[in-house]
């Protein structure tokens, strides 16, 4: 897998409430919902994100509730790939159900968002 783009780096335990806060889950339009992606951890994420950019995090990415909105808003914002050292089990299941492709190496897991 080859990915090129600006990298947005985050630390451990980026949970689904950080990726898309629950207070916005009543928004049905994916484009509108995606305007709130990562706003509690990175207020400028949506403004600075460009198609093809990459999210890199350390351990336990996607922990918390098993919500399909998390990979949806990342994909809607143009994130091409999420690279993490480990994911939470709910995140892995949600990515599979949202047609994201995953590849894992000995120390890193990469998920390409289609």
C-alpha atoms as a PDB file:
ATOM      1  CA  UNK A   1       0.000   0.000   0.000  1.00  0.00           C
ATOM      2  CA  UNK A   2       1.356   3.421  -0.964  1.00  0.00           C
ATOM      3  CA  UNK A   3      -0.067   6.593   0.521  1.00  0.00           C
ATOM      4  CA  UNK A   4       0.985  10.189  -0.017  1.00  0.00           C
ATOM      5  CA  UNK A   5      -0.335  13.260   1.730  1.00  0.00           C
ATOM      6  CA  UNK A   6      -0.039  15.481   4.753  1.00  0.00           C
ATOM      7  CA  UNK A   7       0.143  13.568   8.045  1.00  0.00           C
ATOM      8  CA  UNK A   8      -2.073  14.383  11.026  1.00  0.00           C
ATOM      9  CA  UNK A   9      -0.491  12.824  14.156  1.00  0.00           C
ATOM     10  CA  UNK A  10      -2.355  11.878  17.333  1.00  0.00           C
ATOM     11  CA  UNK A  11      -1.497   9.882  20.441  1.00  0.00           C
ATOM     12  CA  UNK A  12      -3.054   6.985  22.339  1.00  0.00           C
ATOM     13  CA  UNK A  13      -6.741   6.228  22.884  1.00  0.00           C
ATOM     14  CA  UNK A  14      -8.354   8.332  20.162  1.00  0.00           C
ATOM     15  CA  UNK A  15     -11.879   7.094  20.734  1.00  0.00           C
ATOM     16  CA  UNK A  16     -14.890   7.308  18.476  1.00  0.00           C
ATOM     17  CA  UNK A  17     -16.292  10.199  20.554  1.00  0.00           C
ATOM     18  CA  UNK A  18     -13.174  12.159  19.600  1.00  0.00           C
ATOM     19  CA  UNK A  19     -13.361  11.161  15.927  1.00  0.00           C
ATOM     20  CA  UNK A  20     -17.008  12.274  15.775  1.00  0.00           C
ATOM     21  CA  UNK A  21     -18.590  13.637  18.964  1.00  0.00           C
ATOM     22  CA  UNK A  22     -21.903  12.027  19.926  1.00  0.00           C
ATOM     23  CA  UNK A  23     -23.652  15.405  20.076  1.00  0.00           C
ATOM     24  CA  UNK A  24     -23.628  15.476  16.252  1.00  0.00           C
ATOM     25  CA  UNK A  25     -24.926  11.976  15.557  1.00  0.00           C
ATOM     26  CA  UNK A  26     -28.419  13.326  14.837  1.00  0.00           C
ATOM     27  CA  UNK A  27     -27.064  14.841  11.587  1.00  0.00           C
ATOM     28  CA  UNK A  28     -28.078  12.540   8.724  1.00  0.00           C
ATOM     29  CA  UNK A  29     -26.110  14.165   5.887  1.00  0.00           C
ATOM     30  CA  UNK A  30     -22.572  12.671   5.787  1.00  0.00           C
ATOM     31  CA  UNK A  31     -21.044  15.873   4.354  1.00  0.00           C
ATOM     32  CA  UNK A  32     -22.515  18.016   7.128  1.00  0.00           C
ATOM     33  CA  UNK A  33     -21.630  15.440   9.798  1.00  0.00           C
ATOM     34  CA  UNK A  34     -18.042  15.320   8.570  1.00  0.00           C
ATOM     35  CA  UNK A  35     -17.595  19.042   9.294  1.00  0.00           C
ATOM     36  CA  UNK A  36     -17.367  18.069  12.980  1.00  0.00           C
ATOM     37  CA  UNK A  37     -14.692  15.362  12.628  1.00  0.00           C
ATOM     38  CA  UNK A  38     -11.945  15.461  15.263  1.00  0.00           C
ATOM     39  CA  UNK A  39     -13.052  18.905  16.474  1.00  0.00           C
ATOM     40  CA  UNK A  40     -12.584  18.076  20.175  1.00  0.00           C
ATOM     41  CA  UNK A  41      -8.945  17.047  19.684  1.00  0.00           C
ATOM     42  CA  UNK A  42      -7.988  19.180  16.647  1.00  0.00           C
ATOM     43  CA  UNK A  43     -10.191  22.202  15.982  1.00  0.00           C
ATOM     44  CA  UNK A  44      -8.521  22.816  12.602  1.00  0.00           C
ATOM     45  CA  UNK A  45      -8.675  19.217  11.313  1.00  0.00           C
ATOM     46  CA  UNK A  46     -11.475  19.774   8.792  1.00  0.00           C
ATOM     47  CA  UNK A  47     -10.064  23.110   7.627  1.00  0.00           C
ATOM     48  CA  UNK A  48      -6.560  21.670   7.091  1.00  0.00           C
ATOM     49  CA  UNK A  49      -7.520  18.248   5.681  1.00  0.00           C
ATOM     50  CA  UNK A  50      -7.084  17.666   1.955  1.00  0.00           C
ATOM     51  CA  UNK A  51      -8.026  14.599  -0.093  1.00  0.00           C
ATOM     52  CA  UNK A  52      -5.342  11.959   0.269  1.00  0.00           C
ATOM     53  CA  UNK A  53      -4.074  13.077   3.665  1.00  0.00           C
ATOM     54  CA  UNK A  54      -3.160  10.512   6.317  1.00  0.00           C
ATOM     55  CA  UNK A  55      -4.047  10.063  10.001  1.00  0.00           C
ATOM     56  CA  UNK A  56      -1.361   8.512  12.208  1.00  0.00           C
ATOM     57  CA  UNK A  57      -2.003   7.536  15.817  1.00  0.00           C
ATOM     58  CA  UNK A  58      -0.343   5.327  18.377  1.00  0.00           C
ATOM     59  CA  UNK A  59      -2.235   2.750  20.434  1.00  0.00           C
ATOM     60  CA  UNK A  60      -5.912   1.888  20.774  1.00  0.00           C
ATOM     61  CA  UNK A  61      -7.267   4.007  17.901  1.00  0.00           C
ATOM     62  CA  UNK A  62     -11.065   3.875  17.630  1.00  0.00           C
ATOM     63  CA  UNK A  63     -11.732   2.698  21.164  1.00  0.00           C
ATOM     64  CA  UNK A  64     -15.091   3.446  22.744  1.00  0.00           C
ATOM     65  CA  UNK A  65     -18.447   2.820  21.178  1.00  0.00           C
ATOM     66  CA  UNK A  66     -18.741   0.864  17.956  1.00  0.00           C
ATOM     67  CA  UNK A  67     -20.091   3.604  15.729  1.00  0.00           C
ATOM     68  CA  UNK A  68     -20.018   3.516  11.951  1.00  0.00           C
ATOM     69  CA  UNK A  69     -19.836   7.301  11.810  1.00  0.00           C
ATOM     70  CA  UNK A  70     -16.113   7.358  12.709  1.00  0.00           C
ATOM     71  CA  UNK A  71     -14.688   5.906   9.479  1.00  0.00           C
ATOM     72  CA  UNK A  72     -17.437   7.671   7.515  1.00  0.00           C
ATOM     73  CA  UNK A  73     -16.394  11.170   8.619  1.00  0.00           C
ATOM     74  CA  UNK A  74     -12.715  10.409   8.062  1.00  0.00           C
ATOM     75  CA  UNK A  75     -13.466   9.178   4.550  1.00  0.00           C
ATOM     76  CA  UNK A  76     -15.754  12.159   3.829  1.00  0.00           C
ATOM     77  CA  UNK A  77     -12.899  14.478   4.780  1.00  0.00           C
ATOM     78  CA  UNK A  78     -10.576  12.807   2.289  1.00  0.00           C
ATOM     79  CA  UNK A  79      -8.445  10.757   4.674  1.00  0.00           C
ATOM     80  CA  UNK A  80      -6.816   8.131   2.489  1.00  0.00           C
ATOM     81  CA  UNK A  81      -5.200   6.049   5.174  1.00  0.00           C
ATOM     82  CA  UNK A  82      -5.139   5.605   8.949  1.00  0.00           C
ATOM     83  CA  UNK A  83      -1.875   4.234  10.332  1.00  0.00           C
ATOM     84  CA  UNK A  84      -1.824   3.068  13.945  1.00  0.00           C
ATOM     85  CA  UNK A  85       0.201   0.740  16.114  1.00  0.00           C
ATOM     86  CA  UNK A  86      -3.011  -0.852  17.418  1.00  0.00           C
ATOM     87  CA  UNK A  87      -6.748  -0.455  17.050  1.00  0.00           C
ATOM     88  CA  UNK A  88      -9.577  -1.162  19.411  1.00  0.00           C
ATOM     89  CA  UNK A  89     -11.701  -4.200  18.550  1.00  0.00           C
ATOM     90  CA  UNK A  90     -14.833  -2.092  17.799  1.00  0.00           C
ATOM     91  CA  UNK A  91     -12.829   0.032  15.370  1.00  0.00           C
ATOM     92  CA  UNK A  92     -11.603  -3.033  13.510  1.00  0.00           C
ATOM     93  CA  UNK A  93     -15.149  -4.364  13.139  1.00  0.00           C
ATOM     94  CA  UNK A  94     -16.549  -1.017  12.009  1.00  0.00           C
ATOM     95  CA  UNK A  95     -13.801  -0.565   9.411  1.00  0.00           C
ATOM     96  CA  UNK A  96     -14.524  -3.995   7.995  1.00  0.00           C
ATOM     97  CA  UNK A  97     -18.242  -3.257   7.779  1.00  0.00           C
ATOM     98  CA  UNK A  98     -17.555   0.088   6.081  1.00  0.00           C
ATOM     99  CA  UNK A  99     -15.434  -1.528   3.332  1.00  0.00           C
ATOM    100  CA  UNK A 100     -12.135  -0.114   4.550  1.00  0.00           C
ATOM    101  CA  UNK A 101      -9.154  -2.293   3.674  1.00  0.00           C
ATOM    102  CA  UNK A 102      -6.722  -3.161   6.454  1.00  0.00           C
ATOM    103  CA  UNK A 103      -3.138  -4.294   6.363  1.00  0.00           C
ATOM    104  CA  UNK A 104      -1.117  -5.148   9.447  1.00  0.00           C
ATOM    105  CA  UNK A 105       2.621  -5.497   9.831  1.00  0.00           C
ATOM    106  CA  UNK A 106       4.523  -6.578  12.919  1.00  0.00           C
ATOM    107  CA  UNK A 107       4.294  -3.136  14.518  1.00  0.00           C
ATOM    108  CA  UNK A 108       1.786  -1.119  12.523  1.00  0.00           C
ATOM    109  CA  UNK A 109      -1.741  -1.429  11.195  1.00  0.00           C
ATOM    110  CA  UNK A 110      -2.763   0.604   8.160  1.00  0.00           C
ATOM    111  CA  UNK A 111      -6.331   1.069   7.031  1.00  0.00           C
ATOM    112  CA  UNK A 112      -7.094   2.513   3.611  1.00  0.00           C
ATOM    113  CA  UNK A 113     -10.426   4.290   3.481  1.00  0.00           C
ATOM    114  CA  UNK A 114     -12.233   3.918   0.150  1.00  0.00           C
END
